[in-house]
């Protein structure tokens, strides 16, 4: 069965979240606050700090560790209303998405991207 363009548009992902990996949370937090971003301590952990821009869009910094991405890495998170359908469509196209997994913040899967970028699809 072929997926129509309308069906694809209904599950098309949209940007939800950006994660920046840093070497030191303290100066990175101070710098982002000096740029006008609001730190959200209630959504943060010892290795993760969430911020909100003027439009209310959240993003975060995370401490780079030997077990995480290296400093300077950017991860993009996209949301979709039907994660399972998007996963199936990408498989159908030969893109080979990773397994759908449950994380503390939601259900996700990753997809390979050009130049080694990490793209994560998340259930909206």
C-alpha atoms as a PDB file:
ATOM      1  CA  UNK A   1       0.000   0.000   0.000  1.00  0.00           C
ATOM      2  CA  UNK A   2       1.367   3.378  -0.976  1.00  0.00           C
ATOM      3  CA  UNK A   3       1.253   6.373   1.351  1.00  0.00           C
ATOM      4  CA  UNK A   4      -0.261   9.498  -0.167  1.00  0.00           C
ATOM      5  CA  UNK A   5       1.242  12.965   0.123  1.00  0.00           C
ATOM      6  CA  UNK A   6      -1.687  13.988   2.342  1.00  0.00           C
ATOM      7  CA  UNK A   7      -1.023  11.082   4.714  1.00  0.00           C
ATOM      8  CA  UNK A   8       2.673  11.947   4.848  1.00  0.00           C
ATOM      9  CA  UNK A   9       1.878  15.607   5.570  1.00  0.00           C
ATOM     10  CA  UNK A  10      -0.289  14.530   8.522  1.00  0.00           C
ATOM     11  CA  UNK A  11       2.626  12.703  10.181  1.00  0.00           C
ATOM     12  CA  UNK A  12       5.410  15.050   9.038  1.00  0.00           C
ATOM     13  CA  UNK A  13       7.633  15.956  11.981  1.00  0.00           C
ATOM     14  CA  UNK A  14       8.065  19.506  13.247  1.00  0.00           C
ATOM     15  CA  UNK A  15      10.851  20.887  15.430  1.00  0.00           C
ATOM     16  CA  UNK A  16      10.166  20.354  19.126  1.00  0.00           C
ATOM     17  CA  UNK A  17      13.448  20.734  20.991  1.00  0.00           C
ATOM     18  CA  UNK A  18      17.172  21.425  20.573  1.00  0.00           C
ATOM     19  CA  UNK A  19      19.904  20.001  22.814  1.00  0.00           C
ATOM     20  CA  UNK A  20      23.390  21.537  22.943  1.00  0.00           C
ATOM     21  CA  UNK A  21      26.243  19.573  24.552  1.00  0.00           C
ATOM     22  CA  UNK A  22      28.674  21.690  26.601  1.00  0.00           C
ATOM     23  CA  UNK A  23      31.891  21.183  28.570  1.00  0.00           C
ATOM     24  CA  UNK A  24      30.780  23.177  31.632  1.00  0.00           C
ATOM     25  CA  UNK A  25      27.201  23.954  32.665  1.00  0.00           C
ATOM     26  CA  UNK A  26      27.980  26.958  34.886  1.00  0.00           C
ATOM     27  CA  UNK A  27      29.544  29.297  32.303  1.00  0.00           C
ATOM     28  CA  UNK A  28      27.173  28.017  29.598  1.00  0.00           C
ATOM     29  CA  UNK A  29      24.181  28.822  31.821  1.00  0.00           C
ATOM     30  CA  UNK A  30      25.514  32.293  32.634  1.00  0.00           C
ATOM     31  CA  UNK A  31      26.190  32.996  28.981  1.00  0.00           C
ATOM     32  CA  UNK A  32      22.715  31.918  27.840  1.00  0.00           C
ATOM     33  CA  UNK A  33      21.090  33.991  30.593  1.00  0.00           C
ATOM     34  CA  UNK A  34      23.139  36.998  29.473  1.00  0.00           C
ATOM     35  CA  UNK A  35      21.662  36.526  25.995  1.00  0.00           C
ATOM     36  CA  UNK A  36      18.162  36.817  27.487  1.00  0.00           C
ATOM     37  CA  UNK A  37      17.173  33.144  27.709  1.00  0.00           C
ATOM     38  CA  UNK A  38      15.305  32.142  30.874  1.00  0.00           C
ATOM     39  CA  UNK A  39      16.775  29.228  32.857  1.00  0.00           C
ATOM     40  CA  UNK A  40      14.081  26.767  34.037  1.00  0.00           C
ATOM     41  CA  UNK A  41      15.504  25.077  37.149  1.00  0.00           C
ATOM     42  CA  UNK A  42      12.392  22.970  37.825  1.00  0.00           C
ATOM     43  CA  UNK A  43      12.929  21.210  34.459  1.00  0.00           C
ATOM     44  CA  UNK A  44      16.653  20.734  34.991  1.00  0.00           C
ATOM     45  CA  UNK A  45      18.949  18.076  36.492  1.00  0.00           C
ATOM     46  CA  UNK A  46      22.596  18.077  37.625  1.00  0.00           C
ATOM     47  CA  UNK A  47      23.748  17.425  34.021  1.00  0.00           C
ATOM     48  CA  UNK A  48      20.878  19.035  32.060  1.00  0.00           C
ATOM     49  CA  UNK A  49      19.568  22.602  32.050  1.00  0.00           C
ATOM     50  CA  UNK A  50      16.460  23.729  30.252  1.00  0.00           C
ATOM     51  CA  UNK A  51      15.939  27.244  28.926  1.00  0.00           C
ATOM     52  CA  UNK A  52      13.086  29.094  27.276  1.00  0.00           C
ATOM     53  CA  UNK A  53      13.357  31.784  24.629  1.00  0.00           C
ATOM     54  CA  UNK A  54      11.135  34.823  24.263  1.00  0.00           C
ATOM     55  CA  UNK A  55       8.661  32.834  22.152  1.00  0.00           C
ATOM     56  CA  UNK A  56       8.333  30.146  24.849  1.00  0.00           C
ATOM     57  CA  UNK A  57      10.197  27.517  22.810  1.00  0.00           C
ATOM     58  CA  UNK A  58      12.311  25.368  25.151  1.00  0.00           C
ATOM     59  CA  UNK A  59      15.829  24.142  24.452  1.00  0.00           C
ATOM     60  CA  UNK A  60      18.537  22.700  26.665  1.00  0.00           C
ATOM     61  CA  UNK A  61      22.188  22.261  27.360  1.00  0.00           C
ATOM     62  CA  UNK A  62      23.620  19.014  28.637  1.00  0.00           C
ATOM     63  CA  UNK A  63      26.997  18.264  30.122  1.00  0.00           C
ATOM     64  CA  UNK A  64      29.110  16.306  27.667  1.00  0.00           C
ATOM     65  CA  UNK A  65      30.523  13.167  29.290  1.00  0.00           C
ATOM     66  CA  UNK A  66      32.517  10.189  27.997  1.00  0.00           C
ATOM     67  CA  UNK A  67      29.167   8.362  27.609  1.00  0.00           C
ATOM     68  CA  UNK A  68      27.348  11.173  25.762  1.00  0.00           C
ATOM     69  CA  UNK A  69      27.822  13.215  22.651  1.00  0.00           C
ATOM     70  CA  UNK A  70      30.946  15.380  22.545  1.00  0.00           C
ATOM     71  CA  UNK A  71      30.935  19.125  23.346  1.00  0.00           C
ATOM     72  CA  UNK A  72      29.626  21.193  20.450  1.00  0.00           C
ATOM     73  CA  UNK A  73      27.207  18.484  19.342  1.00  0.00           C
ATOM     74  CA  UNK A  74      23.643  19.582  18.603  1.00  0.00           C
ATOM     75  CA  UNK A  75      20.713  17.152  18.785  1.00  0.00           C
ATOM     76  CA  UNK A  76      17.395  18.019  17.178  1.00  0.00           C
ATOM     77  CA  UNK A  77      14.123  16.588  18.456  1.00  0.00           C
ATOM     78  CA  UNK A  78      11.060  16.577  16.211  1.00  0.00           C
ATOM     79  CA  UNK A  79       7.471  15.823  17.234  1.00  0.00           C
ATOM     80  CA  UNK A  80       4.842  13.982  15.233  1.00  0.00           C
ATOM     81  CA  UNK A  81       1.224  13.122  16.045  1.00  0.00           C
ATOM     82  CA  UNK A  82       1.725   9.488  14.925  1.00  0.00           C
ATOM     83  CA  UNK A  83       5.164   8.147  15.760  1.00  0.00           C
ATOM     84  CA  UNK A  84       4.350   4.593  14.684  1.00  0.00           C
ATOM     85  CA  UNK A  85       3.113   5.688  11.252  1.00  0.00           C
ATOM     86  CA  UNK A  86       6.178   7.902  10.724  1.00  0.00           C
ATOM     87  CA  UNK A  87       8.449   5.007  11.726  1.00  0.00           C
ATOM     88  CA  UNK A  88       6.690   2.705   9.236  1.00  0.00           C
ATOM     89  CA  UNK A  89       6.865   5.318   6.451  1.00  0.00           C
ATOM     90  CA  UNK A  90      10.584   5.859   6.968  1.00  0.00           C
ATOM     91  CA  UNK A  91      11.155   2.093   6.966  1.00  0.00           C
ATOM     92  CA  UNK A  92       9.158   1.877   3.725  1.00  0.00           C
ATOM     93  CA  UNK A  93      11.476   4.506   2.214  1.00  0.00           C
ATOM     94  CA  UNK A  94      14.557   2.500   3.239  1.00  0.00           C
ATOM     95  CA  UNK A  95      15.750   5.052   5.810  1.00  0.00           C
ATOM     96  CA  UNK A  96      16.142   2.433   8.594  1.00  0.00           C
ATOM     97  CA  UNK A  97      15.011   4.305  11.713  1.00  0.00           C
ATOM     98  CA  UNK A  98      16.079   3.013  15.102  1.00  0.00           C
ATOM     99  CA  UNK A  99      13.737   1.092  17.359  1.00  0.00           C
ATOM    100  CA  UNK A 100      10.858   2.921  19.026  1.00  0.00           C
ATOM    101  CA  UNK A 101      11.786   3.275  22.695  1.00  0.00           C
ATOM    102  CA  UNK A 102      10.229   4.738  25.811  1.00  0.00           C
ATOM    103  CA  UNK A 103      12.313   7.458  27.487  1.00  0.00           C
ATOM    104  CA  UNK A 104      11.481   9.388  30.689  1.00  0.00           C
ATOM    105  CA  UNK A 105      10.348  12.349  28.543  1.00  0.00           C
ATOM    106  CA  UNK A 106       8.368  10.369  25.939  1.00  0.00           C
ATOM    107  CA  UNK A 107       8.345   7.773  23.177  1.00  0.00           C
ATOM    108  CA  UNK A 108      11.066   8.269  20.558  1.00  0.00           C
ATOM    109  CA  UNK A 109      13.174   6.806  17.777  1.00  0.00           C
ATOM    110  CA  UNK A 110      16.270   8.125  16.054  1.00  0.00           C
ATOM    111  CA  UNK A 111      17.028   8.322  12.358  1.00  0.00           C
ATOM    112  CA  UNK A 112      20.352   8.460  10.602  1.00  0.00           C
ATOM    113  CA  UNK A 113      21.179  11.865   9.167  1.00  0.00           C
ATOM    114  CA  UNK A 114      23.776  13.294   6.862  1.00  0.00           C
ATOM    115  CA  UNK A 115      27.131  14.298   8.338  1.00  0.00           C
ATOM    116  CA  UNK A 116      26.497  12.434  11.607  1.00  0.00           C
ATOM    117  CA  UNK A 117      23.809  14.721  13.024  1.00  0.00           C
ATOM    118  CA  UNK A 118      21.451  13.093  15.489  1.00  0.00           C
ATOM    119  CA  UNK A 119      17.733  13.424  14.732  1.00  0.00           C
ATOM    120  CA  UNK A 120      15.181  12.135  17.221  1.00  0.00           C
ATOM    121  CA  UNK A 121      11.510  11.724  16.398  1.00  0.00           C
ATOM    122  CA  UNK A 122       9.127  12.010  19.356  1.00  0.00           C
ATOM    123  CA  UNK A 123       5.442  11.308  19.860  1.00  0.00           C
ATOM    124  CA  UNK A 124       3.631  14.664  20.134  1.00  0.00           C
END
